[in-house]
Protein backbone atom coordinates (compact mmCIF):
# COMPACT_ATOMS: atom_id res chain seq x y z
CA MET A 1 104.05 177.25 178.37
CA VAL A 2 102.47 176.97 174.90
CA THR A 3 104.77 176.37 171.91
CA PRO A 4 102.73 176.62 168.69
CA SER A 5 103.43 174.34 165.75
CA LEU A 6 104.48 175.73 162.36
CA SER A 7 100.95 175.37 161.00
CA SER A 8 99.64 177.17 164.06
CA LEU A 9 102.02 180.05 163.42
CA PHE A 10 100.62 180.47 159.93
CA SER A 11 97.12 180.43 161.40
CA LEU A 12 98.09 183.16 163.86
CA LEU A 13 99.63 185.29 161.11
CA PHE A 14 96.40 184.94 159.14
CA LEU A 15 94.42 185.99 162.18
CA GLY A 16 96.61 189.07 162.50
CA LYS A 17 95.49 190.13 159.04
CA LEU A 18 91.88 189.79 160.14
CA LEU A 19 92.43 192.62 162.61
CA VAL A 20 92.75 195.12 159.75
CA GLY A 21 89.54 197.11 159.67
CA ILE A 22 88.25 195.78 162.98
CA GLN A 23 87.04 198.62 165.20
CA THR A 24 88.46 198.49 168.70
CA VAL A 25 88.52 200.97 171.55
CA ALA A 26 91.71 201.64 173.52
CA ALA A 27 91.99 199.76 176.80
CA LEU A 28 92.16 201.63 180.11
CA GLU A 29 95.59 200.18 180.75
CA GLN A 30 97.84 200.30 177.70
CA SER A 31 98.90 196.77 176.87
CA PRO A 32 101.77 195.83 174.54
CA ALA A 33 100.95 195.93 170.83
CA PRO A 34 99.98 192.52 169.43
CA SER A 35 102.91 190.69 167.87
CA PRO A 36 101.43 187.87 165.76
CA SER A 37 104.81 187.13 164.17
CA PHE A 38 106.22 186.17 167.59
CA PRO A 39 103.43 184.03 169.07
CA GLY A 40 105.72 182.28 171.53
CA LYS A 41 106.88 185.60 173.00
CA GLN A 42 110.41 184.22 172.88
CA ASP A 43 112.02 187.62 172.32
CA ASN A 44 109.95 189.58 174.83
CA PRO A 45 110.32 189.68 178.62
CA VAL A 46 107.24 188.06 180.11
CA ILE A 47 105.68 187.52 183.51
CA ALA A 48 104.90 183.91 184.37
CA VAL A 49 101.30 183.29 185.45
CA ASP A 50 99.11 180.25 186.02
CA LEU A 51 96.49 181.45 183.55
CA GLU A 52 95.91 184.03 180.83
CA LEU A 53 92.14 184.60 180.74
CA VAL A 54 90.10 186.63 178.26
CA LEU A 55 86.67 187.52 179.64
CA ALA A 56 84.67 188.05 176.42
CA VAL A 57 81.25 189.56 177.14
CA ASP A 58 78.37 189.84 174.66
CA VAL A 59 76.97 193.39 174.37
CA SER A 60 75.09 192.94 171.10
CA HIS A 61 71.73 194.66 170.72
CA SER A 62 69.88 191.49 171.75
CA VAL A 63 71.16 192.16 175.28
CA ASP A 64 69.04 194.99 176.69
CA ASP A 65 70.23 197.55 179.25
CA TYR A 66 68.79 195.63 182.20
CA GLU A 67 70.41 192.37 181.12
CA ALA A 68 73.72 194.09 180.37
CA SER A 69 73.79 195.64 183.85
CA LEU A 70 73.14 192.26 185.48
CA GLN A 71 75.89 190.73 183.36
CA ARG A 72 78.41 193.47 184.24
CA GLN A 73 77.52 193.31 187.94
CA GLY A 74 78.02 189.56 187.83
CA TYR A 75 81.65 190.01 186.79
CA ILE A 76 82.23 192.74 189.38
CA ASP A 77 80.82 190.59 192.19
CA ALA A 78 82.64 187.46 191.03
CA LEU A 79 86.02 189.17 191.07
CA ARG A 80 85.36 190.26 194.66
CA ASP A 81 84.22 186.82 195.75
CA PRO A 82 86.56 185.21 198.34
CA ALA A 83 86.36 181.79 196.68
CA VAL A 84 87.29 183.22 193.28
CA ILE A 85 90.18 185.18 194.82
CA GLU A 86 91.36 182.01 196.56
CA ALA A 87 91.40 180.24 193.18
CA ILE A 88 93.40 183.13 191.70
CA THR A 89 96.10 182.90 194.39
CA SER A 90 96.20 179.12 194.88
CA GLY A 91 98.06 178.05 191.72
CA PRO A 92 101.80 177.32 191.49
CA GLN A 93 102.55 180.93 190.50
CA GLY A 94 99.84 182.39 192.74
CA ARG A 95 98.72 184.81 190.05
CA VAL A 96 96.74 185.09 186.82
CA ALA A 97 96.45 187.66 184.02
CA ILE A 98 92.98 188.80 182.93
CA THR A 99 91.49 191.17 180.37
CA TYR A 100 87.81 192.13 179.91
CA ILE A 101 86.51 192.66 176.36
CA GLU A 102 82.96 193.55 175.30
CA TRP A 103 82.03 192.31 171.85
CA ALA A 104 79.20 192.31 169.32
CA GLY A 105 79.52 192.16 165.51
CA SER A 106 82.61 191.42 163.44
CA ARG A 107 83.77 195.04 163.62
CA TYR A 108 83.22 195.58 167.34
CA GLN A 109 85.51 194.35 170.11
CA HIS A 110 85.91 196.83 172.97
CA PRO A 111 88.71 196.11 175.52
CA VAL A 112 87.17 197.66 178.63
CA ILE A 113 90.03 196.64 180.94
CA GLY A 114 93.44 195.77 179.50
CA TRP A 115 95.67 192.91 180.62
CA SER A 116 96.07 193.06 184.39
CA LEU A 117 97.95 190.94 186.91
CA LEU A 118 95.74 189.54 189.69
CA ASP A 119 97.69 188.08 192.60
CA SER A 120 95.83 189.21 195.71
CA ARG A 121 92.53 190.41 197.11
CA GLU A 122 93.66 193.99 196.52
CA SER A 123 94.46 193.47 192.84
CA ALA A 124 91.20 191.58 192.21
CA TRP A 125 89.18 194.31 193.90
CA ALA A 126 91.07 196.98 191.92
CA PHE A 127 90.15 195.21 188.68
CA ALA A 128 86.52 195.02 189.79
CA GLN A 129 86.51 198.69 190.76
CA ALA A 130 87.97 199.70 187.40
CA LEU A 131 85.30 197.64 185.67
CA GLU A 132 82.58 199.20 187.83
CA SER A 133 83.66 202.69 186.77
CA GLN A 134 83.31 202.05 183.04
CA PRO A 135 80.12 202.50 180.97
CA ILE A 136 78.57 199.47 179.29
CA THR A 137 78.75 199.63 175.51
CA SER A 138 76.47 198.11 172.86
CA ALA A 139 76.65 197.39 169.14
CA PRO A 140 74.76 195.42 166.47
CA SER A 141 75.23 191.80 165.35
CA THR A 142 76.84 188.79 167.01
CA SER A 143 80.24 187.55 165.86
CA ILE A 144 81.59 184.88 168.17
CA SER A 145 84.19 184.03 165.53
CA SER A 146 85.58 187.57 165.51
CA ILE A 147 85.92 187.80 169.28
CA ILE A 148 87.79 184.48 169.22
CA ASP A 149 90.13 185.83 166.53
CA VAL A 150 90.79 189.05 168.45
CA ALA A 151 91.24 187.16 171.73
CA ILE A 152 93.89 184.94 170.11
CA ILE A 153 95.91 187.96 169.04
CA SER A 154 95.49 189.48 172.50
CA LEU A 155 96.67 186.31 174.23
CA PHE A 156 99.86 186.14 172.18
CA GLY A 157 100.51 189.88 172.25
CA ASN A 158 100.49 190.56 175.98
CA ALA A 159 103.31 190.67 178.54
CA TYR A 160 102.42 187.38 180.25
CA GLN A 161 103.29 183.71 179.82
CA GLY A 162 100.54 181.47 181.15
CA ASP A 163 100.57 177.75 181.75
CA ARG A 164 97.02 177.83 180.38
CA LEU A 165 95.36 180.13 177.83
CA VAL A 166 91.57 180.45 178.09
CA ILE A 167 88.87 182.45 176.31
CA ASP A 168 85.68 182.70 178.38
CA ILE A 169 82.73 183.63 176.14
CA SER A 170 79.35 184.70 177.49
CA GLY A 171 76.51 185.32 175.03
CA ASP A 172 72.81 185.05 174.34
CA GLY A 173 72.78 183.93 170.72
CA PRO A 174 74.57 182.10 167.89
CA ASN A 175 77.14 183.50 165.48
CA SER A 176 75.47 185.77 162.91
CA ASP A 177 78.40 187.76 161.49
CA GLY A 178 81.98 187.13 160.40
CA ARG A 179 83.53 183.83 159.37
CA HIS A 180 82.20 180.47 160.51
CA VAL A 181 82.68 180.14 164.26
CA ARG A 182 84.03 176.59 164.00
CA GLU A 183 86.94 177.84 161.90
CA ALA A 184 87.89 180.35 164.59
CA ARG A 185 87.34 177.78 167.33
CA ASP A 186 89.58 175.25 165.59
CA ASP A 187 92.34 177.83 165.05
CA ALA A 188 92.30 178.62 168.76
CA ILE A 189 92.48 174.95 169.75
CA ALA A 190 95.42 174.41 167.35
CA LEU A 191 97.29 177.13 169.25
CA GLY A 192 96.74 175.44 172.62
CA ILE A 193 93.89 177.72 173.70
CA THR A 194 90.79 176.51 175.56
CA ILE A 195 87.41 178.14 174.90
CA ASN A 196 84.73 177.91 177.58
CA GLY A 197 81.16 179.12 177.27
CA LEU A 198 78.47 180.82 179.34
CA PRO A 199 75.37 180.85 177.09
CA VAL A 200 72.41 182.73 178.56
CA LEU A 201 68.73 182.11 177.81
CA SER A 202 66.44 185.02 178.58
CA SER A 203 62.63 185.11 178.44
CA ARG A 204 62.62 188.91 178.15
CA PRO A 205 61.48 190.40 174.82
CA ASN A 206 64.36 190.74 172.38
CA PRO A 207 65.13 194.44 171.81
CA ASN A 208 65.50 193.62 168.10
CA GLY A 209 61.99 192.16 168.00
CA LEU A 210 63.31 188.73 167.06
CA GLY A 211 61.81 186.82 169.98
CA PRO A 212 63.59 184.91 172.76
CA PRO A 213 66.78 182.93 172.02
CA SER A 214 66.51 179.29 171.09
CA ALA A 215 66.45 176.69 173.85
CA TRP A 216 69.21 174.82 172.02
CA LEU A 217 71.87 177.51 172.61
CA ASP A 218 73.83 175.21 174.92
CA ALA A 219 73.93 172.53 172.20
CA TYR A 220 75.08 175.16 169.70
CA TYR A 221 77.93 176.21 171.99
CA ILE A 222 78.98 172.59 172.54
CA LYS A 223 79.00 171.87 168.80
CA ASN A 224 80.47 175.11 167.51
CA VAL A 225 82.08 177.27 170.20
CA ILE A 226 83.80 175.53 173.12
CA GLY A 227 86.84 173.32 172.75
CA GLY A 228 90.38 172.61 173.90
CA THR A 229 91.76 171.02 177.06
CA ASN A 230 89.10 170.66 179.78
CA ALA A 231 86.66 172.89 177.86
CA PHE A 232 83.23 173.26 179.44
CA LEU A 233 80.16 175.45 179.50
CA MET A 234 77.56 176.54 182.00
CA GLU A 235 74.14 177.37 180.63
CA VAL A 236 72.30 180.14 182.48
CA ILE A 237 68.52 180.41 182.48
CA GLU A 238 67.66 184.13 182.85
CA PHE A 239 70.16 186.94 183.37
CA GLU A 240 69.06 187.22 186.99
CA ASN A 241 70.99 183.99 187.58
CA PHE A 242 74.11 185.12 185.71
CA GLY A 243 76.09 186.17 188.80
CA PRO A 244 75.90 182.88 190.76
CA ALA A 245 76.71 180.87 187.63
CA LEU A 246 79.68 183.06 186.79
CA LYS A 247 81.21 182.65 190.26
CA GLU A 248 81.07 178.86 189.94
CA LYS A 249 82.44 179.03 186.41
CA LEU A 250 85.37 181.27 187.29
CA LYS A 251 86.35 179.13 190.28
CA ARG A 252 86.53 176.08 188.05
CA GLU A 253 88.13 177.95 185.15
CA ILE A 254 90.86 179.59 187.20
CA SER A 255 91.68 176.49 189.26
CA GLY A 256 91.88 174.37 186.10
CA SER A 257 89.49 171.71 187.37
CA THR A 258 89.28 168.56 185.23
CA GLU A 259 85.83 167.67 186.53
CA ILE A 260 83.46 166.54 183.74
CA SER A 261 79.67 166.56 183.89
CA LEU A 262 77.43 166.01 180.88
CA SER A 263 74.18 166.78 182.68
CA SER A 264 72.87 169.21 185.25
CA GLY A 265 75.26 169.25 188.20
CA SER A 266 73.70 168.20 191.48
CA SER A 267 75.78 170.76 193.37
CA LEU A 268 74.42 173.62 191.24
CA PRO A 269 71.02 175.32 191.41
CA ALA A 270 68.46 174.12 188.88
CA HIS A 271 68.59 177.38 186.92
CA PHE A 272 71.99 176.64 185.44
CA SER A 273 73.84 173.51 184.40
CA ARG A 274 77.33 172.58 183.28
CA HIS A 275 78.50 170.50 180.35
CA SER A 276 81.90 169.32 179.14
CA PRO A 277 82.26 167.50 175.82
CA GLN A 278 84.71 164.60 175.86
CA LYS A 279 86.32 166.01 172.73
CA PRO A 280 85.74 168.98 170.41
CA PRO A 281 82.84 168.23 167.99
């Protein structure tokens, strides 16, 4: 259970103000309204879970339709994977809470699937089926900082109480909109939230005509995006390899593994690697 400090409460109240003017789309499943003034959820009935997980998925215009479909299918397949389902049901509570949000610029965060309780093969498959039935959205710009801010409010405004709070960010570029991403990252860490990353490098032409993403995206994520207890990232080379990487990442993320590797993991294919900084930069 996370109990924020007084300074963290002020940070959360500030983040609540940032939501004014942010364009969001209603989730499929109506979740409780965010309550930034009660970040500990002390006055609300909650459901205990092992993990509250925000799946934050980049749908900015640099991700073309082909790449976006591979990315979406990767999440659908991962949530149906027996090893991922085993991780979901193997914790002390035997259940986790997950929401799926597509994001782009500072004014675009689209909750595709609202907060849902996953505690069995049936519930995981139902989540995957709901995700499969929804269209993939797209919007301009890339604001990692804004999706972190919105995810914080979502984590403290839902009906669950997790032993761990995690924001899982996949993306193909650096922050280009909104406040500095380190500020958002640090606010999340102060509230006991872990941010993990899944940066993707693609050799396909950028739909915006800006060329391929920089090869240093993993270093950018390590320095600016990920942080918190047991934070880590997996870098994916080409969207065709997104699915296998995501399955490995979710297994580790959901199980709460403390394994640390600063170089390419020998147990992983060469087209993706995993990194865990010893401490936030």
